[in-house]
Protein backbone atom coordinates (compact mmCIF):
# COMPACT_ATOMS: atom_id res chain seq x y z
CA MET A 1 94.79 151.27 82.84
CA PRO A 2 92.74 149.12 85.26
CA ARG A 3 93.83 145.53 85.76
CA SER A 4 91.86 142.78 84.06
CA GLN A 5 90.39 140.13 86.32
CA ASN A 6 88.69 137.87 83.76
CA LYS A 7 85.68 137.36 85.96
CA VAL A 8 83.86 135.05 83.53
CA ALA A 9 86.64 132.48 83.40
CA SER A 10 87.28 132.68 87.15
CA HIS A 11 83.60 132.19 87.92
CA ARG A 12 83.36 129.23 85.53
CA ARG A 13 86.44 127.62 87.08
CA ARG A 14 85.05 127.95 90.62
CA LYS A 15 81.61 126.79 89.53
CA LYS A 16 83.10 123.70 87.86
CA LEU A 17 85.10 122.85 90.99
CA LEU A 18 82.07 123.22 93.27
CA ALA A 19 80.00 121.12 90.84
CA SER A 20 82.53 118.30 91.11
CA ALA A 21 82.31 118.57 94.94
CA LYS A 22 78.52 118.25 94.84
CA GLY A 23 77.29 115.68 97.34
CA TYR A 24 80.21 116.14 99.73
CA TRP A 25 79.31 116.80 103.35
CA GLY A 26 79.19 120.31 104.82
CA GLY A 27 81.89 122.81 103.87
CA ARG A 28 83.50 120.29 101.56
CA SER A 29 80.80 121.06 99.02
CA LYS A 30 80.37 124.80 99.70
CA VAL A 31 83.67 126.45 100.68
CA LEU A 32 85.95 126.85 97.68
CA THR A 33 89.32 126.22 99.34
CA VAL A 34 88.04 123.20 101.27
CA ALA A 35 86.24 121.82 98.20
CA LYS A 36 89.39 122.24 96.10
CA HIS A 37 91.39 120.14 98.56
CA HIS A 38 88.81 117.37 98.72
CA VAL A 39 88.25 117.24 94.96
CA ASP A 40 92.03 116.87 94.48
CA LYS A 41 92.15 114.12 97.10
CA ALA A 42 89.18 112.34 95.52
CA GLY A 43 90.94 112.47 92.16
CA THR A 44 94.05 110.91 93.71
CA HIS A 45 92.01 108.08 95.22
CA ALA A 46 90.15 107.53 91.95
CA TYR A 47 93.43 107.30 90.02
CA ARG A 48 94.91 104.84 92.50
CA HIS A 49 91.79 102.68 92.77
CA ARG A 50 91.39 102.36 89.01
CA ARG A 51 94.58 100.30 89.22
CA THR A 52 93.83 98.35 92.42
CA LYS A 53 90.39 97.42 91.06
CA LYS A 54 92.08 95.22 88.46
CA ARG A 55 94.06 93.37 91.15
CA GLU A 56 91.01 92.90 93.35
CA PHE A 57 88.90 91.48 90.54
CA ARG A 58 91.65 89.04 89.53
CA ALA A 59 91.88 87.84 93.15
CA LEU A 60 88.09 87.42 93.26
CA TRP A 61 88.07 85.40 90.02
CA ILE A 62 90.86 83.15 91.31
CA ALA A 63 88.99 82.54 94.58
CA ARG A 64 85.80 81.62 92.70
CA ILE A 65 87.63 79.30 90.30
CA ASN A 66 89.48 77.61 93.17
CA ALA A 67 86.26 77.03 95.13
CA ALA A 68 84.52 75.51 92.09
CA ALA A 69 87.58 73.47 91.11
CA ARG A 70 87.78 71.92 94.58
CA ILE A 71 84.16 70.78 94.23
CA HIS A 72 85.26 68.89 91.10
CA GLY A 73 88.24 67.27 92.84
CA THR A 74 91.12 69.47 91.72
CA THR A 75 92.76 72.71 92.77
CA TYR A 76 93.11 76.06 91.05
CA SER A 77 96.79 75.65 90.25
CA ARG A 78 96.35 72.12 88.85
CA LEU A 79 93.37 73.25 86.76
CA ILE A 80 95.18 76.28 85.26
CA SER A 81 98.30 74.18 84.61
CA SER A 82 96.34 71.46 82.81
CA MET A 83 94.38 74.07 80.84
CA GLU A 84 97.65 75.60 79.64
CA LYS A 85 98.98 72.17 78.63
CA LYS A 86 95.77 71.43 76.69
CA GLN A 87 95.87 74.99 75.27
CA VAL A 88 92.38 75.91 76.48
CA GLY A 89 92.13 79.65 75.83
CA ILE A 90 89.58 80.67 78.47
CA ASN A 91 90.62 83.60 80.65
CA ARG A 92 90.02 83.81 84.39
CA LYS A 93 87.11 86.26 84.09
CA VAL A 94 85.10 83.91 81.86
CA LEU A 95 86.14 80.86 83.87
CA ALA A 96 84.94 82.51 87.10
CA ASP A 97 81.62 83.38 85.44
CA LEU A 98 81.22 79.76 84.32
CA ALA A 99 82.04 78.57 87.85
CA ALA A 100 79.48 80.90 89.42
CA ASN A 101 76.61 80.84 86.91
CA HIS A 102 77.04 77.81 84.62
CA GLN A 103 78.22 74.89 86.75
CA ALA A 104 77.60 72.26 84.04
CA ALA A 105 79.78 74.12 81.53
CA PHE A 106 82.50 74.57 84.15
CA ALA A 107 82.37 70.85 84.91
CA GLU A 108 82.90 70.11 81.21
CA VAL A 109 85.91 72.43 81.09
CA VAL A 110 87.41 70.75 84.18
CA LYS A 111 86.74 67.29 82.74
CA PHE A 112 88.37 68.20 79.42
CA ALA A 113 91.38 69.87 81.05
CA THR A 114 92.10 67.14 83.60
CA ALA A 115 91.45 64.17 81.28
């Protein structure tokens, strides 16, 4: 009995892998073994950076809040501390957006928290 190769499934698997390598430069998008390696590596980077993205955004928000807080005569740590004491439930993402796009609203939050 001849051995079964399951050509349909094999072809689909290779086609799917090369489709995910589309846009890569040179042999990375055309040669199966090279493409397989680079798709795996890209997946590793994507997994890792989905986690570091959260850290980077939090650092960005803190930098924006600190810059805006210093304009209003306080620091980031004093502002967050006083907001916690007054039980102001605004998270850093929203606070950074207020600092960047709605300066008057941010000034009111700072005034309320530090008063």
